[in-house]
Amino acid sequence: MTLGKVIGTIWATRKDEGLVGMKLQIVRPVGLDLQPKEGFVVAVDSVGAGVGEIVLVATGSSARMTELTKNKPVDAVIMAIVDKLDVAD
């Protein structure tokens, strides 16, 4: 899983039938200090995350294991909204 911040939403009126009804979010990876890292991923939102929220993203075959994404053409899914992050030194 990757820690990231939702930075935007993608609207696609024409897409594969397996993606109909799914919300697509743009997620930028962040470090444990919540500072942004390079790159981004487009992920299906299975938990109702919004722009600005810190989330956990699963990729690869794990992305197709949620109820929403099972057997769908998905490579990344937002599977949790982070409420709190505690890091011990």
PDB file of N, CA and C in Angstrom:
ATOM      1  N   MET A   1       0.846  -1.188   0.000  1.00  0.00           N
ATOM      2  CA  MET A   1       0.000   0.000   0.000  1.00  0.00           C
ATOM      3  C   MET A   1       0.883   1.241   0.000  1.00  0.00           C
ATOM      4  N   THR A   2       0.323   2.293  -0.531  1.00  0.00           N
ATOM      5  CA  THR A   2       1.019   3.570  -0.619  1.00  0.00           C
ATOM      6  C   THR A   2       0.206   4.630   0.108  1.00  0.00           C
ATOM      7  N   LEU A   3       0.912   5.493   0.824  1.00  0.00           N
ATOM      8  CA  LEU A   3       0.286   6.634   1.477  1.00  0.00           C
ATOM      9  C   LEU A   3       0.261   7.771   0.472  1.00  0.00           C
ATOM     10  N   GLY A   4      -0.888   8.434   0.317  1.00  0.00           N
ATOM     11  CA  GLY A   4      -0.982   9.505  -0.662  1.00  0.00           C
ATOM     12  C   GLY A   4      -2.009  10.554  -0.286  1.00  0.00           C
ATOM     13  N   LYS A   5      -2.026  11.626  -1.073  1.00  0.00           N
ATOM     14  CA  LYS A   5      -2.986  12.712  -0.875  1.00  0.00           C
ATOM     15  C   LYS A   5      -3.794  12.876  -2.155  1.00  0.00           C
ATOM     16  N   VAL A   6      -5.106  12.928  -2.016  1.00  0.00           N
ATOM     17  CA  VAL A   6      -5.976  13.137  -3.166  1.00  0.00           C
ATOM     18  C   VAL A   6      -5.812  14.584  -3.620  1.00  0.00           C
ATOM     19  N   ILE A   7      -5.392  14.762  -4.887  1.00  0.00           N
ATOM     20  CA  ILE A   7      -5.147  16.116  -5.397  1.00  0.00           C
ATOM     21  C   ILE A   7      -6.107  16.509  -6.517  1.00  0.00           C
ATOM     22  N   GLY A   8      -6.985  15.598  -6.922  1.00  0.00           N
ATOM     23  CA  GLY A   8      -7.926  15.937  -7.975  1.00  0.00           C
ATOM     24  C   GLY A   8      -8.829  14.790  -8.347  1.00  0.00           C
ATOM     25  N   THR A   9      -9.781  15.098  -9.206  1.00  0.00           N
ATOM     26  CA  THR A   9     -10.755  14.119  -9.682  1.00  0.00           C
ATOM     27  C   THR A   9     -10.721  14.082 -11.196  1.00  0.00           C
ATOM     28  N   ILE A  10     -10.883  12.904 -11.758  1.00  0.00           N
ATOM     29  CA  ILE A  10     -10.945  12.755 -13.210  1.00  0.00           C
ATOM     30  C   ILE A  10     -12.381  12.444 -13.606  1.00  0.00           C
ATOM     31  N   TRP A  11     -12.875  13.180 -14.591  1.00  0.00           N
ATOM     32  CA  TRP A  11     -14.209  12.952 -15.137  1.00  0.00           C
ATOM     33  C   TRP A  11     -14.037  12.325 -16.505  1.00  0.00           C
ATOM     34  N   ALA A  12     -14.609  11.162 -16.719  1.00  0.00           N
ATOM     35  CA  ALA A  12     -14.536  10.481 -18.004  1.00  0.00           C
ATOM     36  C   ALA A  12     -15.922   9.956 -18.357  1.00  0.00           C
ATOM     37  N   THR A  13     -16.567  10.593 -19.306  1.00  0.00           N
ATOM     38  CA  THR A  13     -17.919  10.165 -19.670  1.00  0.00           C
ATOM     39  C   THR A  13     -17.903   8.910 -20.533  1.00  0.00           C
ATOM     40  N   ARG A  14     -16.815   8.676 -21.256  1.00  0.00           N
ATOM     41  CA  ARG A  14     -16.681   7.460 -22.064  1.00  0.00           C
ATOM     42  C   ARG A  14     -15.565   6.630 -21.466  1.00  0.00           C
ATOM     43  N   LYS A  15     -15.922   5.435 -21.000  1.00  0.00           N
ATOM     44  CA  LYS A  15     -14.943   4.550 -20.381  1.00  0.00           C
ATOM     45  C   LYS A  15     -15.409   3.109 -20.490  1.00  0.00           C
ATOM     46  N   ASP A  16     -14.542   2.188 -20.153  1.00  0.00           N
ATOM     47  CA  ASP A  16     -14.886   0.773 -20.156  1.00  0.00           C
ATOM     48  C   ASP A  16     -16.118   0.540 -19.283  1.00  0.00           C
ATOM     49  N   GLU A  17     -16.981  -0.358 -19.724  1.00  0.00           N
ATOM     50  CA  GLU A  17     -18.212  -0.635 -18.974  1.00  0.00           C
ATOM     51  C   GLU A  17     -17.931  -1.068 -17.546  1.00  0.00           C
ATOM     52  N   GLY A  18     -16.783  -1.706 -17.302  1.00  0.00           N
ATOM     53  CA  GLY A  18     -16.430  -2.132 -15.951  1.00  0.00           C
ATOM     54  C   GLY A  18     -16.132  -0.985 -15.006  1.00  0.00           C
ATOM     55  N   LEU A  19     -15.953   0.217 -15.548  1.00  0.00           N
ATOM     56  CA  LEU A  19     -15.652   1.387 -14.718  1.00  0.00           C
ATOM     57  C   LEU A  19     -16.848   2.312 -14.521  1.00  0.00           C
ATOM     58  N   VAL A  20     -17.967   2.003 -15.152  1.00  0.00           N
ATOM     59  CA  VAL A  20     -19.149   2.857 -15.032  1.00  0.00           C
ATOM     60  C   VAL A  20     -19.569   2.939 -13.562  1.00  0.00           C
ATOM     61  N   GLY A  21     -19.818   4.163 -13.109  1.00  0.00           N
ATOM     62  CA  GLY A  21     -20.243   4.392 -11.732  1.00  0.00           C
ATOM     63  C   GLY A  21     -19.111   4.523 -10.741  1.00  0.00           C
ATOM     64  N   MET A  22     -17.868   4.382 -11.195  1.00  0.00           N
ATOM     65  CA  MET A  22     -16.723   4.494 -10.288  1.00  0.00           C
ATOM     66  C   MET A  22     -16.127   5.891 -10.355  1.00  0.00           C
ATOM     67  N   LYS A  23     -15.748   6.423  -9.198  1.00  0.00           N
ATOM     68  CA  LYS A  23     -15.123   7.735  -9.096  1.00  0.00           C
ATOM     69  C   LYS A  23     -13.616   7.565  -9.245  1.00  0.00           C
ATOM     70  N   LEU A  24     -13.006   8.337 -10.141  1.00  0.00           N
ATOM     71  CA  LEU A  24     -11.568   8.276 -10.368  1.00  0.00           C
ATOM     72  C   LEU A  24     -10.890   9.481  -9.732  1.00  0.00           C
ATOM     73  N   GLN A  25      -9.910   9.229  -8.882  1.00  0.00           N
ATOM     74  CA  GLN A  25      -9.201  10.287  -8.169  1.00  0.00           C
ATOM     75  C   GLN A  25      -7.728  10.297  -8.564  1.00  0.00           C
ATOM     76  N   ILE A  26      -7.126  11.473  -8.540  1.00  0.00           N
ATOM     77  CA  ILE A  26      -5.687  11.621  -8.760  1.00  0.00           C
ATOM     78  C   ILE A  26      -5.039  11.682  -7.387  1.00  0.00           C
ATOM     79  N   VAL A  27      -4.081  10.774  -7.142  1.00  0.00           N
ATOM     80  CA  VAL A  27      -3.436  10.682  -5.828  1.00  0.00           C
ATOM     81  C   VAL A  27      -1.933  10.881  -5.998  1.00  0.00           C
ATOM     82  N   ARG A  28      -1.369  11.800  -5.215  1.00  0.00           N
ATOM     83  CA  ARG A  28       0.074  12.028  -5.197  1.00  0.00           C
ATOM     84  C   ARG A  28       0.652  11.322  -3.976  1.00  0.00           C
ATOM     85  N   PRO A  29       1.662  10.478  -4.156  1.00  0.00           N
ATOM     86  CA  PRO A  29       2.300   9.826  -3.006  1.00  0.00           C
ATOM     87  C   PRO A  29       2.886  10.854  -2.039  1.00  0.00           C
ATOM     88  N   VAL A  30       2.847  10.540  -0.746  1.00  0.00           N
ATOM     89  CA  VAL A  30       3.461  11.395   0.276  1.00  0.00           C
ATOM     90  C   VAL A  30       4.315  10.522   1.187  1.00  0.00           C
ATOM     91  N   GLY A  31       5.285  11.163   1.847  1.00  0.00           N
ATOM     92  CA  GLY A  31       6.116  10.473   2.822  1.00  0.00           C
ATOM     93  C   GLY A  31       5.443  10.453   4.180  1.00  0.00           C
ATOM     94  N   LEU A  32       6.113   9.870   5.163  1.00  0.00           N
ATOM     95  CA  LEU A  32       5.562   9.810   6.519  1.00  0.00           C
ATOM     96  C   LEU A  32       5.402  11.196   7.137  1.00  0.00           C
ATOM     97  N   ASP A  33       6.144  12.177   6.608  1.00  0.00           N
ATOM     98  CA  ASP A  33       6.007  13.561   7.058  1.00  0.00           C
ATOM     99  C   ASP A  33       4.903  14.294   6.291  1.00  0.00           C
ATOM    100  N   LEU A  34       4.190  13.541   5.445  1.00  0.00           N
ATOM    101  CA  LEU A  34       3.092  14.028   4.605  1.00  0.00           C
ATOM    102  C   LEU A  34       3.538  15.012   3.527  1.00  0.00           C
ATOM    103  N   GLN A  35       4.845  15.088   3.280  1.00  0.00           N
ATOM    104  CA  GLN A  35       5.359  15.933   2.203  1.00  0.00           C
ATOM    105  C   GLN A  35       5.214  15.186   0.874  1.00  0.00           C
ATOM    106  N   PRO A  36       4.817  15.903  -0.185  1.00  0.00           N
ATOM    107  CA  PRO A  36       4.589  15.235  -1.470  1.00  0.00           C
ATOM    108  C   PRO A  36       5.856  14.652  -2.074  1.00  0.00           C
ATOM    109  N   LYS A  37       5.675  13.530  -2.754  1.00  0.00           N
ATOM    110  CA  LYS A  37       6.739  12.902  -3.530  1.00  0.00           C
ATOM    111  C   LYS A  37       6.420  13.093  -5.006  1.00  0.00           C
ATOM    112  N   GLU A  38       7.344  12.697  -5.862  1.00  0.00           N
ATOM    113  CA  GLU A  38       7.139  12.820  -7.306  1.00  0.00           C
ATOM    114  C   GLU A  38       6.078  11.830  -7.800  1.00  0.00           C
ATOM    115  N   GLY A  39       5.414  12.211  -8.877  1.00  0.00           N
ATOM    116  CA  GLY A  39       4.488  11.316  -9.551  1.00  0.00           C
ATOM    117  C   GLY A  39       3.062  11.404  -9.037  1.00  0.00           C
ATOM    118  N   PHE A  40       2.240  10.556  -9.613  1.00  0.00           N
ATOM    119  CA  PHE A  40       0.832  10.464  -9.221  1.00  0.00           C
ATOM    120  C   PHE A  40       0.284   9.141  -9.723  1.00  0.00           C
ATOM    121  N   VAL A  41      -0.877   8.764  -9.219  1.00  0.00           N
ATOM    122  CA  VAL A  41      -1.582   7.582  -9.688  1.00  0.00           C
ATOM    123  C   VAL A  41      -3.065   7.937  -9.802  1.00  0.00           C
ATOM    124  N   VAL A  42      -3.718   7.357 -10.792  1.00  0.00           N
ATOM    125  CA  VAL A  42      -5.171   7.483 -10.909  1.00  0.00           C
ATOM    126  C   VAL A  42      -5.760   6.246 -10.253  1.00  0.00           C
ATOM    127  N   ALA A  43      -6.609   6.454  -9.246  1.00  0.00           N
ATOM    128  CA  ALA A  43      -7.146   5.342  -8.466  1.00  0.00           C
ATOM    129  C   ALA A  43      -8.670   5.418  -8.392  1.00  0.00           C
ATOM    130  N   VAL A  44      -9.298   4.259  -8.425  1.00  0.00           N
ATOM    131  CA  VAL A  44     -10.733   4.175  -8.177  1.00  0.00           C
ATOM    132  C   VAL A  44     -10.955   4.413  -6.689  1.00  0.00           C
ATOM    133  N   ASP A  45     -11.923   5.246  -6.361  1.00  0.00           N
ATOM    134  CA  ASP A  45     -12.211   5.580  -4.967  1.00  0.00           C
ATOM    135  C   ASP A  45     -13.311   4.661  -4.438  1.00  0.00           C
ATOM    136  N   SER A  46     -12.943   3.738  -3.547  1.00  0.00           N
ATOM    137  CA  SER A  46     -13.932   2.807  -3.007  1.00  0.00           C
ATOM    138  C   SER A  46     -14.468   3.232  -1.639  1.00  0.00           C
ATOM    139  N   VAL A  47     -13.983   4.384  -1.119  1.00  0.00           N
ATOM    140  CA  VAL A  47     -14.370   4.785   0.244  1.00  0.00           C
ATOM    141  C   VAL A  47     -14.931   6.200   0.337  1.00  0.00           C
ATOM    142  N   GLY A  48     -15.063   6.913  -0.762  1.00  0.00           N
ATOM    143  CA  GLY A  48     -15.631   8.262  -0.728  1.00  0.00           C
ATOM    144  C   GLY A  48     -14.661   9.331  -0.286  1.00  0.00           C
ATOM    145  N   ALA A  49     -13.402   9.214  -0.652  1.00  0.00           N
ATOM    146  CA  ALA A  49     -12.394  10.211  -0.281  1.00  0.00           C
ATOM    147  C   ALA A  49     -12.600  11.492  -1.085  1.00  0.00           C
ATOM    148  N   GLY A  50     -12.140  12.598  -0.514  1.00  0.00           N
ATOM    149  CA  GLY A  50     -12.247  13.879  -1.195  1.00  0.00           C
ATOM    150  C   GLY A  50     -10.883  14.507  -1.399  1.00  0.00           C
ATOM    151  N   VAL A  51     -10.851  15.531  -2.232  1.00  0.00           N
ATOM    152  CA  VAL A  51      -9.606  16.248  -2.496  1.00  0.00           C
ATOM    153  C   VAL A  51      -9.050  16.788  -1.180  1.00  0.00           C
ATOM    154  N   GLY A  52      -7.758  16.591  -0.980  1.00  0.00           N
ATOM    155  CA  GLY A  52      -7.080  17.060   0.223  1.00  0.00           C
ATOM    156  C   GLY A  52      -6.919  15.999   1.294  1.00  0.00           C
ATOM    157  N   GLU A  53      -7.623  14.876   1.168  1.00  0.00           N
ATOM    158  CA  GLU A  53      -7.533  13.835   2.192  1.00  0.00           C
ATOM    159  C   GLU A  53      -6.326  12.931   1.967  1.00  0.00           C
ATOM    160  N   ILE A  54      -5.781  12.441   3.078  1.00  0.00           N
ATOM    161  CA  ILE A  54      -4.691  11.473   3.053  1.00  0.00           C
ATOM    162  C   ILE A  54      -5.332  10.092   2.996  1.00  0.00           C
ATOM    163  N   VAL A  55      -4.838   9.249   2.071  1.00  0.00           N
ATOM    164  CA  VAL A  55      -5.460   7.952   1.817  1.00  0.00           C
ATOM    165  C   VAL A  55      -4.414   6.855   1.691  1.00  0.00           C
ATOM    166  N   LEU A  56      -4.888   5.611   1.755  1.00  0.00           N
ATOM    167  CA  LEU A  56      -4.062   4.446   1.452  1.00  0.00           C
ATOM    168  C   LEU A  56      -4.516   3.899   0.107  1.00  0.00           C
ATOM    169  N   VAL A  57      -3.545   3.636  -0.756  1.00  0.00           N
ATOM    170  CA  VAL A  57      -3.826   3.149  -2.101  1.00  0.00           C
ATOM    171  C   VAL A  57      -3.182   1.781  -2.285  1.00  0.00           C
ATOM    172  N   ALA A  58      -3.956   0.819  -2.750  1.00  0.00           N
ATOM    173  CA  ALA A  58      -3.430  -0.496  -3.119  1.00  0.00           C
ATOM    174  C   ALA A  58      -3.321  -0.528  -4.640  1.00  0.00           C
ATOM    175  N   THR A  59      -2.265  -1.164  -5.134  1.00  0.00           N
ATOM    176  CA  THR A  59      -2.056  -1.241  -6.579  1.00  0.00           C
ATOM    177  C   THR A  59      -1.858  -2.687  -7.015  1.00  0.00           C
ATOM    178  N   GLY A  60      -1.848  -2.864  -8.322  1.00  0.00           N
ATOM    179  CA  GLY A  60      -1.650  -4.198  -8.872  1.00  0.00           C
ATOM    180  C   GLY A  60      -2.864  -5.081  -8.644  1.00  0.00           C
ATOM    181  N   SER A  61      -2.627  -6.382  -8.535  1.00  0.00           N
ATOM    182  CA  SER A  61      -3.739  -7.328  -8.382  1.00  0.00           C
ATOM    183  C   SER A  61      -4.514  -7.093  -7.086  1.00  0.00           C
ATOM    184  N   SER A  62      -3.873  -6.524  -6.073  1.00  0.00           N
ATOM    185  CA  SER A  62      -4.571  -6.209  -4.813  1.00  0.00           C
ATOM    186  C   SER A  62      -5.670  -5.178  -5.021  1.00  0.00           C
ATOM    187  N   ALA A  63      -5.532  -4.343  -6.027  1.00  0.00           N
ATOM    188  CA  ALA A  63      -6.535  -3.313  -6.300  1.00  0.00           C
ATOM    189  C   ALA A  63      -7.861  -3.910  -6.747  1.00  0.00           C
ATOM    190  N   ARG A  64      -7.844  -5.145  -7.178  1.00  0.00           N
ATOM    191  CA  ARG A  64      -9.077  -5.797  -7.649  1.00  0.00           C
ATOM    192  C   ARG A  64      -9.695  -6.690  -6.571  1.00  0.00           C
ATOM    193  N   MET A  65      -9.375  -6.435  -5.316  1.00  0.00           N
ATOM    194  CA  MET A  65      -9.883  -7.288  -4.245  1.00  0.00           C
ATOM    195  C   MET A  65     -10.929  -6.614  -3.361  1.00  0.00           C
ATOM    196  N   THR A  66     -11.318  -5.372  -3.662  1.00  0.00           N
ATOM    197  CA  THR A  66     -12.394  -4.749  -2.901  1.00  0.00           C
ATOM    198  C   THR A  66     -13.734  -5.169  -3.508  1.00  0.00           C
ATOM    199  N   GLU A  67     -14.797  -4.986  -2.778  1.00  0.00           N
ATOM    200  CA  GLU A  67     -16.128  -5.326  -3.298  1.00  0.00           C
ATOM    201  C   GLU A  67     -16.431  -4.544  -4.579  1.00  0.00           C
ATOM    202  N   LEU A  68     -16.045  -3.273  -4.599  1.00  0.00           N
ATOM    203  CA  LEU A  68     -16.331  -2.410  -5.747  1.00  0.00           C
ATOM    204  C   LEU A  68     -15.524  -2.788  -6.984  1.00  0.00           C
ATOM    205  N   THR A  69     -14.278  -3.217  -6.790  1.00  0.00           N
ATOM    206  CA  THR A  69     -13.371  -3.410  -7.924  1.00  0.00           C
ATOM    207  C   THR A  69     -13.144  -4.867  -8.326  1.00  0.00           C
ATOM    208  N   LYS A  70     -13.809  -5.800  -7.677  1.00  0.00           N
ATOM    209  CA  LYS A  70     -13.614  -7.220  -7.975  1.00  0.00           C
ATOM    210  C   LYS A  70     -13.854  -7.510  -9.455  1.00  0.00           C
ATOM    211  N   ASN A  71     -12.837  -8.109 -10.096  1.00  0.00           N
ATOM    212  CA  ASN A  71     -12.893  -8.486 -11.512  1.00  0.00           C
ATOM    213  C   ASN A  71     -13.117  -7.302 -12.453  1.00  0.00           C
ATOM    214  N   LYS A  72     -12.654  -6.126 -12.060  1.00  0.00           N
ATOM    215  CA  LYS A  72     -12.772  -4.925 -12.889  1.00  0.00           C
ATOM    216  C   LYS A  72     -11.393  -4.549 -13.431  1.00  0.00           C
ATOM    217  N   PRO A  73     -11.317  -3.755 -14.504  1.00  0.00           N
ATOM    218  CA  PRO A  73     -10.039  -3.347 -15.077  1.00  0.00           C
ATOM    219  C   PRO A  73      -9.402  -2.208 -14.272  1.00  0.00           C
ATOM    220  N   VAL A  74      -8.973  -2.528 -13.053  1.00  0.00           N
ATOM    221  CA  VAL A  74      -8.461  -1.531 -12.111  1.00  0.00           C
ATOM    222  C   VAL A  74      -7.058  -1.919 -11.669  1.00  0.00           C
ATOM    223  N   ASP A  75      -6.152  -0.940 -11.637  1.00  0.00           N
ATOM    224  CA  ASP A  75      -4.778  -1.173 -11.194  1.00  0.00           C
ATOM    225  C   ASP A  75      -4.447  -0.419  -9.920  1.00  0.00           C
ATOM    226  N   ALA A  76      -5.334   0.482  -9.479  1.00  0.00           N
ATOM    227  CA  ALA A  76      -5.112   1.224  -8.228  1.00  0.00           C
ATOM    228  C   ALA A  76      -6.466   1.550  -7.607  1.00  0.00           C
ATOM    229  N   VAL A  77      -6.552   1.409  -6.291  1.00  0.00           N
ATOM    230  CA  VAL A  77      -7.805   1.692  -5.589  1.00  0.00           C
ATOM    231  C   VAL A  77      -7.506   2.382  -4.265  1.00  0.00           C
ATOM    232  N   ILE A  78      -8.293   3.425  -3.968  1.00  0.00           N
ATOM    233  CA  ILE A  78      -8.236   4.046  -2.646  1.00  0.00           C
ATOM    234  C   ILE A  78      -9.057   3.157  -1.743  1.00  0.00           C
ATOM    235  N   MET A  79      -8.398   2.567  -0.725  1.00  0.00           N
ATOM    236  CA  MET A  79      -9.102   1.613   0.125  1.00  0.00           C
ATOM    237  C   MET A  79      -9.235   2.060   1.569  1.00  0.00           C
ATOM    238  N   ALA A  80      -8.697   3.249   1.903  1.00  0.00           N
ATOM    239  CA  ALA A  80      -8.848   3.763   3.268  1.00  0.00           C
ATOM    240  C   ALA A  80      -8.549   5.257   3.280  1.00  0.00           C
ATOM    241  N   ILE A  81      -9.264   5.972   4.150  1.00  0.00           N
ATOM    242  CA  ILE A  81      -8.982   7.373   4.429  1.00  0.00           C
ATOM    243  C   ILE A  81      -8.273   7.387   5.778  1.00  0.00           C
ATOM    244  N   VAL A  82      -7.107   8.029   5.823  1.00  0.00           N
ATOM    245  CA  VAL A  82      -6.296   8.049   7.042  1.00  0.00           C
ATOM    246  C   VAL A  82      -6.836   9.134   7.986  1.00  0.00           C
ATOM    247  N   ASP A  83      -7.207   8.711   9.207  1.00  0.00           N
ATOM    248  CA  ASP A  83      -7.667   9.659  10.219  1.00  0.00           C
ATOM    249  C   ASP A  83      -6.511  10.215  11.036  1.00  0.00           C
ATOM    250  N   LYS A  84      -5.527   9.353  11.312  1.00  0.00           N
ATOM    251  CA  LYS A  84      -4.413   9.752  12.156  1.00  0.00           C
ATOM    252  C   LYS A  84      -3.211   8.920  11.764  1.00  0.00           C
ATOM    253  N   LEU A  85      -2.032   9.508  11.856  1.00  0.00           N
ATOM    254  CA  LEU A  85      -0.796   8.837  11.525  1.00  0.00           C
ATOM    255  C   LEU A  85       0.186   9.034  12.664  1.00  0.00           C
ATOM    256  N   ASP A  86       0.548   7.961  13.368  1.00  0.00           N
ATOM    257  CA  ASP A  86       1.525   8.021  14.453  1.00  0.00           C
ATOM    258  C   ASP A  86       2.788   7.325  13.998  1.00  0.00           C
ATOM    259  N   VAL A  87       3.917   7.994  14.078  1.00  0.00           N
ATOM    260  CA  VAL A  87       5.190   7.431  13.673  1.00  0.00           C
ATOM    261  C   VAL A  87       6.161   7.541  14.842  1.00  0.00           C
ATOM    262  N   ALA A  88       6.711   6.379  15.279  1.00  0.00           N
ATOM    263  CA  ALA A  88       7.699   6.381  16.352  1.00  0.00           C
ATOM    264  C   ALA A  88       9.081   6.501  15.737  1.00  0.00           C
ATOM    265  N   ASP A  89       9.947   7.258  16.385  1.00  0.00           N
ATOM    266  CA  ASP A  89      11.330   7.402  15.890  1.00  0.00           C
ATOM    267  C   ASP A  89      12.168   6.233  16.249  1.00  0.00           C
TER     268      ASP A  89
END
